[in-house]
N, C-alpha and C. Protein backbone atom coordinates (compact mmCIF):
# COMPACT_ATOMS: atom_id res chain seq x y z
N UNK A 1 168.45 70.14 108.29
CA UNK A 1 169.08 69.87 107.00
C UNK A 1 170.56 69.52 107.16
N UNK A 2 171.21 70.18 108.11
CA UNK A 2 172.63 69.91 108.30
C UNK A 2 172.88 68.48 108.73
N UNK A 3 172.01 67.97 109.60
CA UNK A 3 172.21 66.61 110.08
C UNK A 3 172.04 65.61 108.94
N UNK A 4 171.08 65.89 108.04
CA UNK A 4 170.89 65.01 106.88
C UNK A 4 172.10 65.08 105.97
N UNK A 5 172.64 66.29 105.79
CA UNK A 5 173.83 66.45 104.95
C UNK A 5 174.99 65.64 105.51
N UNK A 6 175.17 65.73 106.84
CA UNK A 6 176.25 64.97 107.48
C UNK A 6 176.02 63.47 107.36
N UNK A 7 174.75 63.06 107.48
CA UNK A 7 174.44 61.64 107.37
C UNK A 7 174.73 61.13 105.97
N UNK A 8 174.35 61.93 104.94
CA UNK A 8 174.63 61.55 103.56
C UNK A 8 176.13 61.50 103.31
N UNK A 9 176.87 62.46 103.85
CA UNK A 9 178.31 62.50 103.68
C UNK A 9 178.95 61.27 104.29
N UNK A 10 178.45 60.87 105.47
CA UNK A 10 178.96 59.67 106.13
C UNK A 10 178.69 58.42 105.29
N UNK A 11 177.50 58.35 104.71
CA UNK A 11 177.16 57.21 103.86
C UNK A 11 178.07 57.16 102.64
N UNK A 12 178.32 58.33 102.03
CA UNK A 12 179.20 58.39 100.86
C UNK A 12 180.60 57.90 101.19
N UNK A 13 181.09 58.30 102.36
CA UNK A 13 182.43 57.89 102.77
C UNK A 13 182.50 56.39 103.01
N UNK A 14 181.41 55.82 103.54
CA UNK A 14 181.38 54.37 103.78
C UNK A 14 181.19 53.59 102.47
N UNK A 15 180.58 54.24 101.48
CA UNK A 15 180.35 53.59 100.19
C UNK A 15 181.62 53.58 99.33
N UNK A 16 182.49 54.56 99.52
CA UNK A 16 183.67 54.74 98.67
C UNK A 16 184.55 53.49 98.55
N UNK A 17 184.85 52.76 99.63
CA UNK A 17 185.70 51.58 99.48
C UNK A 17 185.12 50.53 98.54
N UNK A 18 183.79 50.35 98.58
CA UNK A 18 183.14 49.39 97.68
C UNK A 18 183.27 49.86 96.23
N UNK A 19 183.06 51.14 96.00
CA UNK A 19 183.19 51.69 94.65
C UNK A 19 184.62 51.54 94.15
N UNK A 20 185.58 51.79 95.03
CA UNK A 20 186.99 51.65 94.64
C UNK A 20 187.30 50.23 94.19
N UNK A 21 186.74 49.26 94.88
CA UNK A 21 186.96 47.85 94.51
C UNK A 21 186.42 47.57 93.11
N UNK A 22 185.24 48.09 92.83
CA UNK A 22 184.64 47.89 91.51
C UNK A 22 185.46 48.57 90.42
N UNK A 23 185.95 49.77 90.71
CA UNK A 23 186.77 50.48 89.72
C UNK A 23 188.05 49.70 89.43
N UNK A 24 188.68 49.20 90.48
CA UNK A 24 189.92 48.45 90.32
C UNK A 24 189.69 47.18 89.50
N UNK A 25 188.53 46.57 89.69
CA UNK A 25 188.23 45.30 89.01
C UNK A 25 187.79 45.50 87.57
N UNK A 26 186.99 46.54 87.32
CA UNK A 26 186.36 46.69 86.01
C UNK A 26 186.93 47.81 85.15
N UNK A 27 187.80 48.63 85.71
CA UNK A 27 188.42 49.71 84.93
C UNK A 27 189.94 49.55 84.96
N UNK A 28 190.41 48.39 84.54
CA UNK A 28 191.83 48.07 84.66
C UNK A 28 192.71 48.92 83.75
N UNK A 29 192.10 49.52 82.73
CA UNK A 29 192.88 50.38 81.82
C UNK A 29 193.12 51.76 82.42
N UNK A 30 192.50 52.01 83.57
CA UNK A 30 192.58 53.34 84.17
C UNK A 30 193.13 53.28 85.60
N UNK A 31 193.85 54.33 85.95
CA UNK A 31 194.16 54.57 87.36
C UNK A 31 193.18 55.64 87.82
N UNK A 32 192.95 55.72 89.11
CA UNK A 32 192.00 56.73 89.57
C UNK A 32 192.46 57.39 90.85
N UNK A 33 192.09 58.63 90.98
CA UNK A 33 192.42 59.43 92.17
C UNK A 33 191.12 60.00 92.70
N UNK A 34 190.83 59.73 93.97
CA UNK A 34 189.59 60.19 94.58
C UNK A 34 189.81 61.52 95.31
N UNK A 35 188.85 62.41 95.18
CA UNK A 35 188.91 63.70 95.86
C UNK A 35 187.88 63.75 96.98
N UNK A 36 188.27 64.33 98.09
CA UNK A 36 187.34 64.49 99.21
C UNK A 36 187.17 65.97 99.59
N UNK A 37 187.96 66.86 98.95
CA UNK A 37 187.86 68.27 99.31
C UNK A 37 186.64 68.89 98.62
N UNK A 38 186.00 69.80 99.32
CA UNK A 38 184.74 70.40 98.88
C UNK A 38 184.91 71.18 97.59
N UNK A 39 186.05 71.83 97.41
CA UNK A 39 186.27 72.65 96.22
C UNK A 39 186.15 71.84 94.94
N UNK A 40 186.78 70.67 94.91
CA UNK A 40 186.70 69.81 93.73
C UNK A 40 185.29 69.26 93.55
N UNK A 41 184.65 68.88 94.67
CA UNK A 41 183.31 68.32 94.58
C UNK A 41 182.31 69.34 94.07
N UNK A 42 182.51 70.62 94.42
CA UNK A 42 181.64 71.67 93.91
C UNK A 42 181.81 71.88 92.41
N UNK A 43 182.93 71.44 91.89
CA UNK A 43 183.16 71.50 90.44
C UNK A 43 182.65 70.24 89.75
N UNK A 44 182.03 69.34 90.53
CA UNK A 44 181.50 68.11 89.96
C UNK A 44 182.55 67.05 89.74
N UNK A 45 183.57 67.04 90.61
CA UNK A 45 184.65 66.06 90.47
C UNK A 45 184.81 65.28 91.78
N UNK A 46 184.46 64.00 91.73
CA UNK A 46 184.71 63.12 92.87
C UNK A 46 185.97 62.29 92.66
N UNK A 47 186.25 61.96 91.40
CA UNK A 47 187.49 61.25 91.10
C UNK A 47 187.93 61.55 89.68
N UNK A 48 189.20 61.35 89.45
CA UNK A 48 189.78 61.52 88.11
C UNK A 48 190.25 60.15 87.62
N UNK A 49 189.77 59.76 86.45
CA UNK A 49 190.23 58.54 85.80
C UNK A 49 191.31 58.91 84.80
N UNK A 50 192.42 58.18 84.83
CA UNK A 50 193.51 58.44 83.90
C UNK A 50 193.79 57.18 83.10
N UNK A 51 193.70 57.28 81.78
CA UNK A 51 194.00 56.16 80.90
C UNK A 51 195.49 55.83 80.99
N UNK A 52 195.80 54.60 81.37
CA UNK A 52 197.20 54.21 81.58
C UNK A 52 198.00 54.21 80.28
N UNK A 53 197.31 54.11 79.14
CA UNK A 53 198.01 54.02 77.86
C UNK A 53 198.34 55.39 77.28
N UNK A 54 197.33 56.27 77.22
CA UNK A 54 197.57 57.55 76.56
C UNK A 54 197.55 58.75 77.50
N UNK A 55 197.27 58.51 78.80
CA UNK A 55 197.30 59.59 79.77
C UNK A 55 196.08 60.49 79.78
N UNK A 56 195.07 60.19 78.96
CA UNK A 56 193.85 61.00 78.92
C UNK A 56 193.16 60.95 80.28
N UNK A 57 192.63 62.09 80.72
CA UNK A 57 192.00 62.15 82.03
C UNK A 57 190.52 62.52 81.89
N UNK A 58 189.73 61.98 82.81
CA UNK A 58 188.28 62.21 82.80
C UNK A 58 187.81 62.50 84.22
N UNK A 59 186.99 63.54 84.36
CA UNK A 59 186.44 63.91 85.66
C UNK A 59 185.11 63.20 85.87
N UNK A 60 184.99 62.53 87.00
CA UNK A 60 183.79 61.73 87.29
C UNK A 60 183.09 62.28 88.53
N UNK A 61 181.79 62.44 88.41
CA UNK A 61 180.94 62.86 89.53
C UNK A 61 180.09 61.68 89.94
N UNK A 62 180.30 61.18 91.15
CA UNK A 62 179.52 60.05 91.65
C UNK A 62 178.18 60.52 92.21
N UNK A 63 177.11 59.90 91.75
CA UNK A 63 175.77 60.20 92.23
C UNK A 63 175.16 58.90 92.73
N UNK A 64 174.92 58.84 94.04
CA UNK A 64 174.45 57.59 94.65
C UNK A 64 173.04 57.72 95.20
N UNK A 65 172.23 56.70 94.99
CA UNK A 65 170.86 56.67 95.52
C UNK A 65 170.87 56.23 96.99
N UNK A 66 171.42 57.10 97.82
CA UNK A 66 171.60 56.75 99.24
C UNK A 66 170.30 56.80 100.04
N UNK A 67 169.24 57.35 99.45
CA UNK A 67 167.93 57.34 100.13
C UNK A 67 167.17 56.04 99.87
N UNK A 68 167.76 55.17 99.07
CA UNK A 68 167.06 53.94 98.69
C UNK A 68 167.93 52.71 98.90
N UNK A 69 168.46 52.58 100.11
CA UNK A 69 169.31 51.42 100.43
C UNK A 69 168.45 50.15 100.43
N UNK A 70 169.00 49.09 99.87
CA UNK A 70 168.32 47.79 99.76
C UNK A 70 167.09 47.85 98.87
N UNK A 71 167.13 48.76 97.90
CA UNK A 71 166.07 48.85 96.89
C UNK A 71 166.72 48.96 95.52
N UNK A 72 165.99 48.51 94.50
CA UNK A 72 166.48 48.62 93.13
C UNK A 72 165.51 49.47 92.31
N UNK A 73 165.95 50.67 91.97
CA UNK A 73 165.12 51.55 91.16
C UNK A 73 165.61 51.53 89.71
N UNK A 74 164.69 51.55 88.75
CA UNK A 74 165.09 51.52 87.33
C UNK A 74 165.41 52.90 86.76
N UNK A 75 165.30 53.93 87.60
CA UNK A 75 165.47 55.30 87.13
C UNK A 75 166.55 56.04 87.92
N UNK A 76 166.92 57.22 87.40
CA UNK A 76 167.81 58.11 88.15
C UNK A 76 167.35 59.54 87.95
N UNK A 77 167.52 60.36 88.98
CA UNK A 77 167.08 61.75 88.95
C UNK A 77 168.24 62.68 88.62
N UNK A 78 168.08 63.46 87.55
CA UNK A 78 169.07 64.45 87.13
C UNK A 78 168.54 65.83 87.52
N UNK A 79 169.29 66.53 88.35
CA UNK A 79 168.82 67.80 88.91
C UNK A 79 168.88 68.93 87.88
N UNK A 80 167.71 69.54 87.62
CA UNK A 80 167.63 70.68 86.70
C UNK A 80 167.65 72.01 87.44
N UNK A 81 166.85 72.10 88.52
CA UNK A 81 166.76 73.32 89.32
C UNK A 81 166.54 72.97 90.78
N UNK A 82 166.89 73.90 91.65
CA UNK A 82 166.57 73.77 93.07
C UNK A 82 166.41 75.17 93.65
N UNK A 83 165.85 75.26 94.82
CA UNK A 83 165.61 76.55 95.45
C UNK A 83 166.52 76.75 96.66
N UNK A 84 167.09 77.95 96.77
CA UNK A 84 167.91 78.30 97.93
C UNK A 84 167.47 79.67 98.43
N UNK A 85 166.94 79.69 99.65
CA UNK A 85 166.42 80.93 100.24
C UNK A 85 165.39 81.59 99.32
N UNK A 86 164.57 80.74 98.72
CA UNK A 86 163.49 81.23 97.88
C UNK A 86 163.90 81.63 96.47
N UNK A 87 165.17 81.45 96.12
CA UNK A 87 165.66 81.81 94.79
C UNK A 87 165.99 80.54 94.01
N UNK A 88 165.47 80.46 92.79
CA UNK A 88 165.74 79.28 91.97
C UNK A 88 167.19 79.27 91.49
N UNK A 89 167.85 78.13 91.67
CA UNK A 89 169.24 77.96 91.26
C UNK A 89 169.31 76.85 90.20
N UNK A 90 170.38 76.89 89.44
CA UNK A 90 170.59 75.89 88.40
C UNK A 90 171.09 74.59 89.01
N UNK A 91 170.49 73.47 88.59
CA UNK A 91 170.92 72.16 89.07
C UNK A 91 172.20 71.72 88.38
N UNK A 92 172.71 70.56 88.79
CA UNK A 92 174.03 70.16 88.32
C UNK A 92 174.09 69.66 86.88
N UNK A 93 172.98 69.26 86.29
CA UNK A 93 173.06 68.70 84.94
C UNK A 93 173.55 69.73 83.92
N UNK A 94 172.97 70.93 83.92
CA UNK A 94 173.32 71.94 82.93
C UNK A 94 174.27 73.01 83.46
N UNK A 95 174.72 72.88 84.69
CA UNK A 95 175.58 73.89 85.32
C UNK A 95 176.93 73.95 84.60
N UNK A 96 177.20 75.08 83.93
CA UNK A 96 178.44 75.20 83.14
C UNK A 96 179.68 75.28 84.02
N UNK A 97 179.51 75.55 85.31
CA UNK A 97 180.68 75.60 86.20
C UNK A 97 181.18 74.20 86.56
N UNK A 98 180.35 73.19 86.32
CA UNK A 98 180.76 71.81 86.60
C UNK A 98 181.70 71.32 85.50
N UNK A 99 182.77 70.65 85.90
CA UNK A 99 183.76 70.15 84.95
C UNK A 99 183.57 68.65 84.64
N UNK A 100 182.45 68.11 85.08
CA UNK A 100 182.16 66.68 84.95
C UNK A 100 182.17 66.19 83.51
N UNK A 101 182.90 65.10 83.26
CA UNK A 101 182.83 64.40 81.97
C UNK A 101 181.84 63.24 82.05
N UNK A 102 181.88 62.52 83.17
CA UNK A 102 181.01 61.36 83.35
C UNK A 102 180.33 61.39 84.71
N UNK A 103 179.09 60.92 84.74
CA UNK A 103 178.42 60.64 86.01
C UNK A 103 178.56 59.14 86.27
N UNK A 104 178.92 58.80 87.48
CA UNK A 104 178.89 57.40 87.91
C UNK A 104 177.63 57.25 88.77
N UNK A 105 176.58 56.72 88.17
CA UNK A 105 175.31 56.58 88.87
C UNK A 105 175.32 55.28 89.68
N UNK A 106 175.24 55.42 90.98
CA UNK A 106 175.33 54.26 91.88
C UNK A 106 173.92 53.91 92.35
N UNK A 107 173.46 52.74 91.94
CA UNK A 107 172.09 52.32 92.23
C UNK A 107 172.10 50.91 92.83
N UNK A 108 170.91 50.46 93.24
CA UNK A 108 170.77 49.11 93.82
C UNK A 108 171.83 48.88 94.90
N UNK A 109 171.91 49.82 95.82
CA UNK A 109 172.91 49.76 96.90
C UNK A 109 172.37 48.87 98.03
N UNK A 110 173.09 47.81 98.33
CA UNK A 110 172.64 46.88 99.37
C UNK A 110 173.63 46.85 100.52
N UNK A 111 173.09 46.66 101.72
CA UNK A 111 173.92 46.56 102.92
C UNK A 111 173.48 45.37 103.75
N UNK A 112 174.36 44.93 104.65
CA UNK A 112 174.04 43.78 105.51
C UNK A 112 173.50 44.26 106.85
N UNK A 113 173.31 43.32 107.77
CA UNK A 113 172.71 43.66 109.07
C UNK A 113 173.62 44.58 109.89
N UNK A 114 174.89 44.66 109.51
CA UNK A 114 175.83 45.55 110.21
C UNK A 114 175.92 46.92 109.53
N UNK A 115 175.02 47.15 108.57
CA UNK A 115 174.99 48.40 107.81
C UNK A 115 176.26 48.63 106.99
N UNK A 116 176.91 47.53 106.61
CA UNK A 116 178.06 47.62 105.72
C UNK A 116 177.58 47.41 104.29
N UNK A 117 178.04 48.26 103.38
CA UNK A 117 177.61 48.13 101.99
C UNK A 117 178.26 46.90 101.36
N UNK A 118 177.42 46.09 100.73
CA UNK A 118 177.90 44.80 100.20
C UNK A 118 177.92 44.74 98.68
N UNK A 119 177.03 45.48 98.02
CA UNK A 119 176.99 45.45 96.55
C UNK A 119 176.23 46.67 96.02
N UNK A 120 176.45 46.96 94.76
CA UNK A 120 175.72 48.04 94.10
C UNK A 120 175.92 47.91 92.60
N UNK A 121 175.15 48.67 91.86
CA UNK A 121 175.34 48.79 90.42
C UNK A 121 175.93 50.16 90.12
N UNK A 122 176.76 50.23 89.09
CA UNK A 122 177.34 51.50 88.66
C UNK A 122 177.11 51.66 87.17
N UNK A 123 176.48 52.76 86.80
CA UNK A 123 176.24 53.08 85.39
C UNK A 123 176.96 54.38 85.07
N UNK A 124 177.86 54.33 84.09
CA UNK A 124 178.58 55.53 83.67
C UNK A 124 177.80 56.23 82.57
N UNK A 125 177.56 57.53 82.76
CA UNK A 125 176.83 58.34 81.79
C UNK A 125 177.75 59.44 81.27
N UNK A 126 177.86 59.53 79.95
CA UNK A 126 178.64 60.59 79.31
C UNK A 126 177.81 61.86 79.35
N UNK A 127 178.23 62.82 80.15
CA UNK A 127 177.43 64.03 80.36
C UNK A 127 177.18 64.79 79.05
N UNK A 128 178.24 64.99 78.26
CA UNK A 128 178.11 65.75 77.02
C UNK A 128 177.16 65.07 76.05
N UNK A 129 177.28 63.75 75.92
CA UNK A 129 176.39 63.02 75.02
C UNK A 129 174.94 63.08 75.48
N UNK A 130 174.72 63.03 76.80
CA UNK A 130 173.37 63.12 77.33
C UNK A 130 172.76 64.48 77.01
N UNK A 131 173.51 65.55 77.25
CA UNK A 131 173.00 66.89 76.99
C UNK A 131 172.74 67.08 75.49
N UNK A 132 173.62 66.55 74.65
CA UNK A 132 173.43 66.63 73.20
C UNK A 132 172.16 65.89 72.78
N UNK A 133 171.93 64.72 73.37
CA UNK A 133 170.73 63.94 73.04
C UNK A 133 169.47 64.70 73.44
N UNK A 134 169.47 65.24 74.65
CA UNK A 134 168.31 66.00 75.12
C UNK A 134 168.07 67.23 74.25
N UNK A 135 169.15 67.92 73.89
CA UNK A 135 169.04 69.10 73.04
C UNK A 135 168.45 68.74 71.69
N UNK A 136 168.85 67.57 71.17
CA UNK A 136 168.30 67.09 69.90
C UNK A 136 166.80 66.84 69.96
N UNK A 137 166.29 66.58 71.15
CA UNK A 137 164.86 66.38 71.35
C UNK A 137 164.14 67.70 71.63
N UNK A 138 164.90 68.79 71.65
CA UNK A 138 164.33 70.09 71.98
C UNK A 138 164.26 70.32 73.48
N UNK A 139 164.87 69.43 74.25
CA UNK A 139 164.86 69.54 75.71
C UNK A 139 166.19 70.14 76.18
N UNK A 140 166.39 71.39 75.81
CA UNK A 140 167.60 72.10 76.22
C UNK A 140 167.31 72.87 77.50
N UNK A 141 168.33 73.50 78.02
CA UNK A 141 168.22 74.20 79.30
C UNK A 141 167.10 75.25 79.30
N UNK A 142 167.01 76.02 78.23
CA UNK A 142 165.99 77.07 78.15
C UNK A 142 164.58 76.48 78.13
N UNK A 143 164.41 75.36 77.44
CA UNK A 143 163.10 74.72 77.38
C UNK A 143 162.67 74.23 78.76
N UNK A 144 163.61 73.63 79.48
CA UNK A 144 163.29 73.17 80.84
C UNK A 144 162.93 74.36 81.74
N UNK A 145 163.61 75.48 81.53
CA UNK A 145 163.31 76.67 82.32
C UNK A 145 161.89 77.16 82.02
N UNK A 146 161.50 77.13 80.76
CA UNK A 146 160.14 77.53 80.37
C UNK A 146 159.11 76.63 81.05
N UNK A 147 159.36 75.33 81.04
CA UNK A 147 158.42 74.39 81.64
C UNK A 147 158.33 74.60 83.15
N UNK A 148 159.50 74.78 83.79
CA UNK A 148 159.52 74.97 85.24
C UNK A 148 158.78 76.25 85.63
N UNK A 149 158.96 77.29 84.84
CA UNK A 149 158.27 78.56 85.12
C UNK A 149 156.77 78.43 84.93
N UNK A 150 156.37 77.77 83.85
CA UNK A 150 154.95 77.58 83.55
C UNK A 150 154.25 76.77 84.63
N UNK A 151 154.96 75.79 85.19
CA UNK A 151 154.36 74.88 86.17
C UNK A 151 154.87 75.18 87.58
N UNK A 152 155.22 76.42 87.82
CA UNK A 152 155.69 76.83 89.15
C UNK A 152 154.64 76.50 90.21
N UNK A 153 155.06 75.82 91.27
CA UNK A 153 154.13 75.42 92.32
C UNK A 153 153.58 74.01 92.14
N UNK A 154 153.81 73.44 90.95
CA UNK A 154 153.36 72.06 90.70
C UNK A 154 154.13 71.09 91.59
N UNK A 155 153.47 70.04 92.02
CA UNK A 155 154.15 68.99 92.78
C UNK A 155 153.85 67.64 92.14
N UNK A 156 154.91 66.86 91.96
CA UNK A 156 154.74 65.52 91.43
C UNK A 156 155.21 65.38 89.99
N UNK A 157 154.73 64.35 89.35
CA UNK A 157 155.17 63.95 88.02
C UNK A 157 154.58 64.85 86.93
N UNK A 158 155.39 65.12 85.91
CA UNK A 158 154.93 65.89 84.76
C UNK A 158 155.52 65.27 83.50
N UNK A 159 154.66 64.88 82.57
CA UNK A 159 155.12 64.26 81.34
C UNK A 159 155.74 65.25 80.37
N UNK A 160 156.57 64.74 79.48
CA UNK A 160 157.22 65.55 78.45
C UNK A 160 156.86 64.98 77.08
N UNK A 161 156.65 65.85 76.11
CA UNK A 161 156.22 65.41 74.79
C UNK A 161 157.19 64.43 74.14
N UNK A 162 158.47 64.66 74.31
CA UNK A 162 159.48 63.88 73.58
C UNK A 162 159.94 62.61 74.30
N UNK A 163 159.44 62.37 75.51
CA UNK A 163 159.87 61.20 76.27
C UNK A 163 158.66 60.38 76.71
N UNK A 164 158.75 59.08 76.50
CA UNK A 164 157.68 58.19 76.96
C UNK A 164 157.82 58.05 78.48
N UNK A 165 156.77 58.40 79.24
CA UNK A 165 156.90 58.42 80.70
C UNK A 165 157.17 57.06 81.35
N UNK A 166 156.78 55.98 80.69
CA UNK A 166 157.01 54.65 81.27
C UNK A 166 158.37 54.08 80.90
N UNK A 167 158.80 54.37 79.66
CA UNK A 167 160.01 53.70 79.15
C UNK A 167 161.24 54.61 79.06
N UNK A 168 161.02 55.93 79.12
CA UNK A 168 162.14 56.84 78.90
C UNK A 168 162.33 57.83 80.05
N UNK A 169 161.38 58.72 80.27
CA UNK A 169 161.56 59.66 81.36
C UNK A 169 160.45 60.69 81.50
N UNK A 170 160.57 61.53 82.52
CA UNK A 170 159.58 62.56 82.83
C UNK A 170 160.19 63.54 83.82
N UNK A 171 159.48 64.62 84.09
CA UNK A 171 159.91 65.58 85.10
C UNK A 171 159.25 65.26 86.43
N UNK A 172 159.93 65.62 87.52
CA UNK A 172 159.32 65.47 88.84
C UNK A 172 159.63 66.72 89.67
N UNK A 173 158.56 67.36 90.15
CA UNK A 173 158.67 68.55 90.98
C UNK A 173 158.47 68.16 92.45
N UNK A 174 159.46 68.45 93.29
CA UNK A 174 159.35 68.13 94.73
C UNK A 174 159.16 69.43 95.51
N UNK A 175 158.01 70.06 95.32
CA UNK A 175 157.77 71.37 95.93
C UNK A 175 157.23 71.28 97.35
N UNK A 176 156.72 70.10 97.73
CA UNK A 176 156.05 69.99 99.03
C UNK A 176 156.81 69.18 100.07
N UNK A 177 157.71 68.32 99.62
CA UNK A 177 158.34 67.40 100.57
C UNK A 177 159.85 67.59 100.74
N UNK A 178 160.44 68.55 100.03
CA UNK A 178 161.88 68.77 100.16
C UNK A 178 162.16 70.26 100.26
N UNK A 179 163.05 70.63 101.18
CA UNK A 179 163.34 72.04 101.44
C UNK A 179 163.88 72.75 100.20
N UNK A 180 164.70 72.04 99.41
CA UNK A 180 165.30 72.68 98.24
C UNK A 180 164.38 72.68 97.02
N UNK A 181 163.22 72.04 97.14
CA UNK A 181 162.21 72.01 96.08
C UNK A 181 162.81 71.73 94.70
N UNK A 182 163.55 70.64 94.55
CA UNK A 182 164.20 70.38 93.26
C UNK A 182 163.22 70.04 92.15
N UNK A 183 163.62 70.41 90.94
CA UNK A 183 162.94 69.95 89.74
C UNK A 183 163.92 68.99 89.07
N UNK A 184 163.54 67.72 88.97
CA UNK A 184 164.44 66.70 88.47
C UNK A 184 163.93 66.09 87.16
N UNK A 185 164.87 65.76 86.29
CA UNK A 185 164.56 64.98 85.10
C UNK A 185 164.81 63.52 85.46
N UNK A 186 163.74 62.73 85.48
CA UNK A 186 163.84 61.31 85.84
C UNK A 186 164.00 60.50 84.57
N UNK A 187 165.10 59.79 84.45
CA UNK A 187 165.38 59.01 83.24
C UNK A 187 165.59 57.53 83.58
N UNK A 188 165.08 56.67 82.72
CA UNK A 188 165.27 55.23 82.87
C UNK A 188 166.71 54.87 82.54
N UNK A 189 167.33 54.07 83.38
CA UNK A 189 168.71 53.66 83.13
C UNK A 189 168.83 52.86 81.84
N UNK A 190 167.87 51.98 81.59
CA UNK A 190 167.90 51.17 80.36
C UNK A 190 167.79 52.06 79.12
N UNK A 191 167.05 53.14 79.24
CA UNK A 191 166.91 54.09 78.12
C UNK A 191 168.24 54.77 77.84
N UNK A 192 168.93 55.18 78.90
CA UNK A 192 170.24 55.83 78.73
C UNK A 192 171.23 54.90 78.04
N UNK A 193 171.18 53.62 78.39
CA UNK A 193 172.07 52.64 77.76
C UNK A 193 171.67 52.42 76.30
N UNK A 194 170.36 52.33 76.06
CA UNK A 194 169.85 52.05 74.71
C UNK A 194 170.20 53.15 73.72
N UNK A 195 170.22 54.41 74.16
CA UNK A 195 170.51 55.51 73.24
C UNK A 195 172.01 55.80 73.14
N UNK A 196 172.83 55.01 73.84
CA UNK A 196 174.26 55.10 73.68
C UNK A 196 174.98 56.18 74.47
N UNK A 197 174.32 56.71 75.51
CA UNK A 197 175.00 57.73 76.33
C UNK A 197 175.49 57.15 77.65
N UNK A 198 175.19 55.88 77.91
CA UNK A 198 175.57 55.26 79.19
C UNK A 198 176.00 53.82 78.97
N UNK A 199 176.81 53.34 79.93
CA UNK A 199 177.23 51.94 79.94
C UNK A 199 177.22 51.44 81.37
N UNK A 200 176.75 50.22 81.55
CA UNK A 200 176.73 49.61 82.87
C UNK A 200 178.11 49.04 83.19
N UNK A 201 178.70 49.51 84.26
CA UNK A 201 180.02 49.00 84.67
C UNK A 201 179.86 47.69 85.41
N UNK A 202 178.89 47.67 86.34
CA UNK A 202 178.66 46.48 87.13
C UNK A 202 177.21 46.50 87.62
């Protein structure tokens, strides 16, 4: 697991310059400061955006689909729960210790024959608006906990009453193929944009 963690960290570091270029080009109203220290990242902060006009600051957590290089997926996985030493832990979406205002979802990451990242898509998701929308559907933290407990040991896709599995989203339990056994909420990027909680940057 450590080697995979280091490999992912290396990929993130190599991806950062491309993301910085996109931010500079498409977020001209903002200055940004990138963090690389673990303490800030554990709080869900990879960079701080500062509005040049009014000084307002926003904490951004970058989430990149680094397991799917040179692929374009229409969905993104939001972590609800994971297991550590056999104990279920809270995932980053509802974790109150996270200070994240926005998720920068990095998808459709492409690289060339030299393994240099050449392009990607970035979708900004307002965390508070997303949680409010889910809560309005009755999909709050406690409800997800009830579902996870009821389906403990389940592996694979699980539909939700309030979300269309093809057009909106569903749950996915990775109990057999991942050490941390995450329970993820899989949401369509187009759905997030359509309901007004996300915007495509590039």
